[in-house]
Amino acid sequence: MADDKANPGRPDRDRINMEEEYEVQYWSEKFGVSQEELTAAVKKVGPMANDVKRELKTHSPYWVNEKDARGPNNQT
């Protein structure tokens, strides 16, 4: 589904649009991973945010929890 800025309903918020740089940046920061890790996860499980989150939690040594994700690019 394309990113429809005129209709930002629930389906749009549940998908990661890898064609939009601002979305890639947002989701990378939200999940605490690099853009490359996000890209790999989306390629593996598809664009649904919950599926990507589950994949990243399974395979990321930096994941703490969804409120406090830490990755190589945003460690404190």
PDB file of N, CA and C in Angstrom:
ATOM      1  N   MET A   1       0.842  -1.180   0.000  1.00  0.00           N
ATOM      2  CA  MET A   1       0.000   0.000   0.000  1.00  0.00           C
ATOM      3  C   MET A   1       0.883   1.238   0.000  1.00  0.00           C
ATOM      4  N   ALA A   2       0.597   2.158  -0.848  1.00  0.00           N
ATOM      5  CA  ALA A   2       1.369   3.397  -0.911  1.00  0.00           C
ATOM      6  C   ALA A   2       1.059   4.279   0.281  1.00  0.00           C
ATOM      7  N   ASP A   3       1.980   5.153   0.601  1.00  0.00           N
ATOM      8  CA  ASP A   3       1.810   6.082   1.704  1.00  0.00           C
ATOM      9  C   ASP A   3       0.875   7.195   1.257  1.00  0.00           C
ATOM     10  N   ASP A   4      -0.334   7.204   1.770  1.00  0.00           N
ATOM     11  CA  ASP A   4      -1.326   8.207   1.388  1.00  0.00           C
ATOM     12  C   ASP A   4      -1.396   9.262   2.475  1.00  0.00           C
ATOM     13  N   LYS A   5      -0.709  10.378   2.277  1.00  0.00           N
ATOM     14  CA  LYS A   5      -0.653  11.433   3.277  1.00  0.00           C
ATOM     15  C   LYS A   5      -2.005  12.107   3.474  1.00  0.00           C
ATOM     16  N   ALA A   6      -2.901  12.019   2.490  1.00  0.00           N
ATOM     17  CA  ALA A   6      -4.223  12.612   2.597  1.00  0.00           C
ATOM     18  C   ALA A   6      -5.163  11.752   3.438  1.00  0.00           C
ATOM     19  N   ASN A   7      -4.821  10.479   3.611  1.00  0.00           N
ATOM     20  CA  ASN A   7      -5.670   9.562   4.363  1.00  0.00           C
ATOM     21  C   ASN A   7      -4.812   8.756   5.334  1.00  0.00           C
ATOM     22  N   PRO A   8      -4.347   9.395   6.426  1.00  0.00           N
ATOM     23  CA  PRO A   8      -3.438   8.703   7.352  1.00  0.00           C
ATOM     24  C   PRO A   8      -4.163   7.812   8.354  1.00  0.00           C
ATOM     25  N   GLY A   9      -4.960   6.896   7.860  1.00  0.00           N
ATOM     26  CA  GLY A   9      -5.706   6.016   8.736  1.00  0.00           C
ATOM     27  C   GLY A   9      -4.853   4.891   9.287  1.00  0.00           C
ATOM     28  N   ARG A  10      -5.466   4.033  10.031  1.00  0.00           N
ATOM     29  CA  ARG A  10      -4.790   2.932  10.701  1.00  0.00           C
ATOM     30  C   ARG A  10      -3.930   2.069   9.770  1.00  0.00           C
ATOM     31  N   PRO A  11      -4.427   1.637   8.607  1.00  0.00           N
ATOM     32  CA  PRO A  11      -3.587   0.781   7.765  1.00  0.00           C
ATOM     33  C   PRO A  11      -2.259   1.428   7.385  1.00  0.00           C
ATOM     34  N   ASP A  12      -2.265   2.744   7.198  1.00  0.00           N
ATOM     35  CA  ASP A  12      -1.042   3.438   6.820  1.00  0.00           C
ATOM     36  C   ASP A  12      -0.038   3.448   7.967  1.00  0.00           C
ATOM     37  N   ARG A  13      -0.501   3.593   9.186  1.00  0.00           N
ATOM     38  CA  ARG A  13       0.395   3.630  10.345  1.00  0.00           C
ATOM     39  C   ARG A  13       0.961   2.264  10.687  1.00  0.00           C
ATOM     40  N   ASP A  14       0.337   1.218  10.220  1.00  0.00           N
ATOM     41  CA  ASP A  14       0.783  -0.136  10.539  1.00  0.00           C
ATOM     42  C   ASP A  14       1.806  -0.682   9.553  1.00  0.00           C
ATOM     43  N   ARG A  15       2.083   0.082   8.497  1.00  0.00           N
ATOM     44  CA  ARG A  15       3.010  -0.363   7.457  1.00  0.00           C
ATOM     45  C   ARG A  15       4.239   0.526   7.425  1.00  0.00           C
ATOM     46  N   ILE A  16       5.361  -0.079   7.101  1.00  0.00           N
ATOM     47  CA  ILE A  16       6.611   0.663   6.935  1.00  0.00           C
ATOM     48  C   ILE A  16       6.833   0.827   5.439  1.00  0.00           C
ATOM     49  N   ASN A  17       6.802   2.063   4.984  1.00  0.00           N
ATOM     50  CA  ASN A  17       7.004   2.351   3.569  1.00  0.00           C
ATOM     51  C   ASN A  17       8.483   2.638   3.344  1.00  0.00           C
ATOM     52  N   MET A  18       9.189   1.667   2.804  1.00  0.00           N
ATOM     53  CA  MET A  18      10.627   1.794   2.599  1.00  0.00           C
ATOM     54  C   MET A  18      10.971   2.737   1.457  1.00  0.00           C
ATOM     55  N   GLU A  19       9.978   3.208   0.723  1.00  0.00           N
ATOM     56  CA  GLU A  19      10.201   4.163  -0.366  1.00  0.00           C
ATOM     57  C   GLU A  19      10.262   5.602   0.149  1.00  0.00           C
ATOM     58  N   GLU A  20       9.845   5.830   1.379  1.00  0.00           N
ATOM     59  CA  GLU A  20       9.837   7.170   1.973  1.00  0.00           C
ATOM     60  C   GLU A  20      10.970   7.284   2.993  1.00  0.00           C
ATOM     61  N   GLU A  21      11.953   8.127   2.711  1.00  0.00           N
ATOM     62  CA  GLU A  21      13.126   8.268   3.578  1.00  0.00           C
ATOM     63  C   GLU A  21      12.741   8.633   5.006  1.00  0.00           C
ATOM     64  N   TYR A  22      11.750   9.532   5.169  1.00  0.00           N
ATOM     65  CA  TYR A  22      11.361   9.931   6.518  1.00  0.00           C
ATOM     66  C   TYR A  22      10.773   8.763   7.306  1.00  0.00           C
ATOM     67  N   GLU A  23      10.110   7.828   6.626  1.00  0.00           N
ATOM     68  CA  GLU A  23       9.580   6.663   7.327  1.00  0.00           C
ATOM     69  C   GLU A  23      10.697   5.714   7.717  1.00  0.00           C
ATOM     70  N   VAL A  24      11.660   5.520   6.832  1.00  0.00           N
ATOM     71  CA  VAL A  24      12.803   4.657   7.148  1.00  0.00           C
ATOM     72  C   VAL A  24      13.541   5.228   8.365  1.00  0.00           C
ATOM     73  N   GLN A  25      13.746   6.523   8.375  1.00  0.00           N
ATOM     74  CA  GLN A  25      14.421   7.155   9.507  1.00  0.00           C
ATOM     75  C   GLN A  25      13.591   7.020  10.787  1.00  0.00           C
ATOM     76  N   TYR A  26      12.289   7.288  10.693  1.00  0.00           N
ATOM     77  CA  TYR A  26      11.413   7.181  11.861  1.00  0.00           C
ATOM     78  C   TYR A  26      11.428   5.772  12.454  1.00  0.00           C
ATOM     79  N   TRP A  27      11.197   4.768  11.606  1.00  0.00           N
ATOM     80  CA  TRP A  27      11.114   3.396  12.109  1.00  0.00           C
ATOM     81  C   TRP A  27      12.467   2.895  12.607  1.00  0.00           C
ATOM     82  N   SER A  28      13.549   3.302  11.958  1.00  0.00           N
ATOM     83  CA  SER A  28      14.884   2.914  12.436  1.00  0.00           C
ATOM     84  C   SER A  28      15.120   3.444  13.832  1.00  0.00           C
ATOM     85  N   GLU A  29      14.772   4.709  14.049  1.00  0.00           N
ATOM     86  CA  GLU A  29      14.941   5.307  15.374  1.00  0.00           C
ATOM     87  C   GLU A  29      13.992   4.684  16.382  1.00  0.00           C
ATOM     88  N   LYS A  30      12.749   4.449  15.990  1.00  0.00           N
ATOM     89  CA  LYS A  30      11.769   3.857  16.906  1.00  0.00           C
ATOM     90  C   LYS A  30      12.211   2.480  17.396  1.00  0.00           C
ATOM     91  N   PHE A  31      12.747   1.671  16.479  1.00  0.00           N
ATOM     92  CA  PHE A  31      13.170   0.321  16.834  1.00  0.00           C
ATOM     93  C   PHE A  31      14.614   0.256  17.315  1.00  0.00           C
ATOM     94  N   GLY A  32      15.343   1.369  17.212  1.00  0.00           N
ATOM     95  CA  GLY A  32      16.720   1.391  17.699  1.00  0.00           C
ATOM     96  C   GLY A  32      17.674   0.552  16.875  1.00  0.00           C
ATOM     97  N   VAL A  33      17.470   0.551  15.557  1.00  0.00           N
ATOM     98  CA  VAL A  33      18.312  -0.228  14.659  1.00  0.00           C
ATOM     99  C   VAL A  33      18.809   0.656  13.524  1.00  0.00           C
ATOM    100  N   SER A  34      19.791   0.165  12.795  1.00  0.00           N
ATOM    101  CA  SER A  34      20.275   0.897  11.625  1.00  0.00           C
ATOM    102  C   SER A  34      19.255   0.763  10.492  1.00  0.00           C
ATOM    103  N   GLN A  35      19.387   1.626   9.504  1.00  0.00           N
ATOM    104  CA  GLN A  35      18.506   1.540   8.348  1.00  0.00           C
ATOM    105  C   GLN A  35      18.729   0.231   7.601  1.00  0.00           C
ATOM    106  N   GLU A  36      19.948  -0.270   7.614  1.00  0.00           N
ATOM    107  CA  GLU A  36      20.247  -1.539   6.955  1.00  0.00           C
ATOM    108  C   GLU A  36      19.548  -2.702   7.668  1.00  0.00           C
ATOM    109  N   GLU A  37      19.552  -2.664   8.999  1.00  0.00           N
ATOM    110  CA  GLU A  37      18.863  -3.721   9.756  1.00  0.00           C
ATOM    111  C   GLU A  37      17.358  -3.668   9.508  1.00  0.00           C
ATOM    112  N   LEU A  38      16.810  -2.459   9.463  1.00  0.00           N
ATOM    113  CA  LEU A  38      15.384  -2.306   9.178  1.00  0.00           C
ATOM    114  C   LEU A  38      15.064  -2.844   7.787  1.00  0.00           C
ATOM    115  N   THR A  39      15.872  -2.484   6.816  1.00  0.00           N
ATOM    116  CA  THR A  39      15.664  -2.947   5.446  1.00  0.00           C
ATOM    117  C   THR A  39      15.682  -4.473   5.375  1.00  0.00           C
ATOM    118  N   ALA A  40      16.636  -5.087   6.041  1.00  0.00           N
ATOM    119  CA  ALA A  40      16.737  -6.549   6.034  1.00  0.00           C
ATOM    120  C   ALA A  40      15.503  -7.185   6.670  1.00  0.00           C
ATOM    121  N   ALA A  41      15.037  -6.606   7.767  1.00  0.00           N
ATOM    122  CA  ALA A  41      13.857  -7.154   8.450  1.00  0.00           C
ATOM    123  C   ALA A  41      12.611  -7.021   7.578  1.00  0.00           C
ATOM    124  N   VAL A  42      12.451  -5.878   6.920  1.00  0.00           N
ATOM    125  CA  VAL A  42      11.297  -5.680   6.040  1.00  0.00           C
ATOM    126  C   VAL A  42      11.357  -6.645   4.861  1.00  0.00           C
ATOM    127  N   LYS A  43      12.538  -6.855   4.319  1.00  0.00           N
ATOM    128  CA  LYS A  43      12.670  -7.810   3.209  1.00  0.00           C
ATOM    129  C   LYS A  43      12.302  -9.220   3.656  1.00  0.00           C
ATOM    130  N   LYS A  44      12.625  -9.542   4.896  1.00  0.00           N
ATOM    131  CA  LYS A  44      12.374 -10.899   5.390  1.00  0.00           C
ATOM    132  C   LYS A  44      10.907 -11.137   5.738  1.00  0.00           C
ATOM    133  N   VAL A  45      10.270 -10.179   6.450  1.00  0.00           N
ATOM    134  CA  VAL A  45       8.924 -10.429   6.977  1.00  0.00           C
ATOM    135  C   VAL A  45       7.836  -9.552   6.372  1.00  0.00           C
ATOM    136  N   GLY A  46       8.208  -8.597   5.523  1.00  0.00           N
ATOM    137  CA  GLY A  46       7.206  -7.726   4.920  1.00  0.00           C
ATOM    138  C   GLY A  46       7.106  -6.397   5.648  1.00  0.00           C
ATOM    139  N   PRO A  47       6.219  -5.499   5.198  1.00  0.00           N
ATOM    140  CA  PRO A  47       6.179  -4.126   5.687  1.00  0.00           C
ATOM    141  C   PRO A  47       5.332  -3.878   6.937  1.00  0.00           C
ATOM    142  N   MET A  48       4.684  -4.885   7.468  1.00  0.00           N
ATOM    143  CA  MET A  48       3.832  -4.655   8.641  1.00  0.00           C
ATOM    144  C   MET A  48       4.703  -4.401   9.879  1.00  0.00           C
ATOM    145  N   ALA A  49       4.463  -3.276  10.543  1.00  0.00           N
ATOM    146  CA  ALA A  49       5.308  -2.834  11.651  1.00  0.00           C
ATOM    147  C   ALA A  49       5.404  -3.871  12.773  1.00  0.00           C
ATOM    148  N   ASN A  50       4.304  -4.518  13.117  1.00  0.00           N
ATOM    149  CA  ASN A  50       4.351  -5.511  14.197  1.00  0.00           C
ATOM    150  C   ASN A  50       5.210  -6.714  13.824  1.00  0.00           C
ATOM    151  N   ASP A  51       5.154  -7.135  12.566  1.00  0.00           N
ATOM    152  CA  ASP A  51       5.989  -8.248  12.114  1.00  0.00           C
ATOM    153  C   ASP A  51       7.469  -7.870  12.143  1.00  0.00           C
ATOM    154  N   VAL A  52       7.761  -6.640  11.708  1.00  0.00           N
ATOM    155  CA  VAL A  52       9.152  -6.164  11.713  1.00  0.00           C
ATOM    156  C   VAL A  52       9.653  -6.047  13.141  1.00  0.00           C
ATOM    157  N   LYS A  53       8.823  -5.509  14.030  1.00  0.00           N
ATOM    158  CA  LYS A  53       9.213  -5.384  15.438  1.00  0.00           C
ATOM    159  C   LYS A  53       9.529  -6.753  16.036  1.00  0.00           C
ATOM    160  N   ARG A  54       8.687  -7.722  15.758  1.00  0.00           N
ATOM    161  CA  ARG A  54       8.901  -9.082  16.268  1.00  0.00           C
ATOM    162  C   ARG A  54      10.212  -9.658  15.733  1.00  0.00           C
ATOM    163  N   GLU A  55      10.465  -9.450  14.443  1.00  0.00           N
ATOM    164  CA  GLU A  55      11.703  -9.937  13.828  1.00  0.00           C
ATOM    165  C   GLU A  55      12.924  -9.281  14.460  1.00  0.00           C
ATOM    166  N   LEU A  56      12.864  -7.976  14.671  1.00  0.00           N
ATOM    167  CA  LEU A  56      14.002  -7.266  15.248  1.00  0.00           C
ATOM    168  C   LEU A  56      14.227  -7.661  16.708  1.00  0.00           C
ATOM    169  N   LYS A  57      13.155  -7.876  17.451  1.00  0.00           N
ATOM    170  CA  LYS A  57      13.296  -8.299  18.846  1.00  0.00           C
ATOM    171  C   LYS A  57      13.946  -9.669  18.932  1.00  0.00           C
ATOM    172  N   THR A  58      13.650 -10.516  17.961  1.00  0.00           N
ATOM    173  CA  THR A  58      14.187 -11.869  17.937  1.00  0.00           C
ATOM    174  C   THR A  58      15.680 -11.884  17.625  1.00  0.00           C
ATOM    175  N   HIS A  59      16.115 -10.953  16.770  1.00  0.00           N
ATOM    176  CA  HIS A  59      17.478 -11.027  16.250  1.00  0.00           C
ATOM    177  C   HIS A  59      18.395  -9.877  16.655  1.00  0.00           C
ATOM    178  N   SER A  60      17.926  -8.929  17.434  1.00  0.00           N
ATOM    179  CA  SER A  60      18.771  -7.798  17.788  1.00  0.00           C
ATOM    180  C   SER A  60      19.293  -7.933  19.220  1.00  0.00           C
ATOM    181  N   PRO A  61      20.614  -7.954  19.400  1.00  0.00           N
ATOM    182  CA  PRO A  61      21.168  -8.034  20.750  1.00  0.00           C
ATOM    183  C   PRO A  61      20.992  -6.735  21.530  1.00  0.00           C
ATOM    184  N   TYR A  62      20.572  -5.669  20.861  1.00  0.00           N
ATOM    185  CA  TYR A  62      20.446  -4.362  21.505  1.00  0.00           C
ATOM    186  C   TYR A  62      19.046  -4.067  22.007  1.00  0.00           C
ATOM    187  N   TRP A  63      18.069  -4.893  21.628  1.00  0.00           N
ATOM    188  CA  TRP A  63      16.682  -4.590  21.965  1.00  0.00           C
ATOM    189  C   TRP A  63      16.469  -4.733  23.469  1.00  0.00           C
ATOM    190  N   VAL A  64      15.959  -3.685  24.084  1.00  0.00           N
ATOM    191  CA  VAL A  64      15.640  -3.730  25.506  1.00  0.00           C
ATOM    192  C   VAL A  64      14.144  -3.920  25.665  1.00  0.00           C
ATOM    193  N   ASN A  65      13.357  -2.988  25.202  1.00  0.00           N
ATOM    194  CA  ASN A  65      11.904  -3.109  25.120  1.00  0.00           C
ATOM    195  C   ASN A  65      11.387  -2.038  24.185  1.00  0.00           C
ATOM    196  N   GLU A  66      10.090  -2.056  23.900  1.00  0.00           N
ATOM    197  CA  GLU A  66       9.585  -1.137  22.886  1.00  0.00           C
ATOM    198  C   GLU A  66       9.618   0.318  23.320  1.00  0.00           C
ATOM    199  N   LYS A  67       9.708   0.613  24.602  1.00  0.00           N
ATOM    200  CA  LYS A  67       9.815   1.989  25.072  1.00  0.00           C
ATOM    201  C   LYS A  67      11.267   2.456  25.123  1.00  0.00           C
ATOM    202  N   ASP A  68      12.203   1.511  25.184  1.00  0.00           N
ATOM    203  CA  ASP A  68      13.603   1.864  25.426  1.00  0.00           C
ATOM    204  C   ASP A  68      14.518   0.992  24.571  1.00  0.00           C
ATOM    205  N   ALA A  69      14.382   1.105  23.251  1.00  0.00           N
ATOM    206  CA  ALA A  69      15.237   0.319  22.358  1.00  0.00           C
ATOM    207  C   ALA A  69      16.606   0.989  22.244  1.00  0.00           C
ATOM    208  N   ARG A  70      17.631   0.177  22.274  1.00  0.00           N
ATOM    209  CA  ARG A  70      18.986   0.672  22.107  1.00  0.00           C
ATOM    210  C   ARG A  70      19.616  -0.066  20.941  1.00  0.00           C
ATOM    211  N   GLY A  71      20.293   0.647  20.118  1.00  0.00           N
ATOM    212  CA  GLY A  71      20.988   0.034  18.986  1.00  0.00           C
ATOM    213  C   GLY A  71      22.337   0.684  18.826  1.00  0.00           C
ATOM    214  N   PRO A  72      23.098   0.241  17.867  1.00  0.00           N
ATOM    215  CA  PRO A  72      24.439   0.779  17.682  1.00  0.00           C
ATOM    216  C   PRO A  72      24.452   2.273  17.361  1.00  0.00           C
ATOM    217  N   ASN A  73      23.321   2.801  16.861  1.00  0.00           N
ATOM    218  CA  ASN A  73      23.292   4.217  16.488  1.00  0.00           C
ATOM    219  C   ASN A  73      22.687   5.129  17.550  1.00  0.00           C
ATOM    220  N   ASN A  74      22.107   4.572  18.593  1.00  0.00           N
ATOM    221  CA  ASN A  74      21.515   5.447  19.600  1.00  0.00           C
ATOM    222  C   ASN A  74      21.722   4.938  21.018  1.00  0.00           C
ATOM    223  N   GLN A  75      22.903   4.442  21.291  1.00  0.00           N
ATOM    224  CA  GLN A  75      23.216   3.995  22.648  1.00  0.00           C
ATOM    225  C   GLN A  75      23.406   5.201  23.550  1.00  0.00           C
ATOM    226  N   THR A  76      23.128   4.994  24.811  1.00  0.00           N
ATOM    227  CA  THR A  76      23.383   6.058  25.784  1.00  0.00           C
ATOM    228  C   THR A  76      24.487   5.659  26.721  1.00  0.00           C
TER     229      THR A  76
END
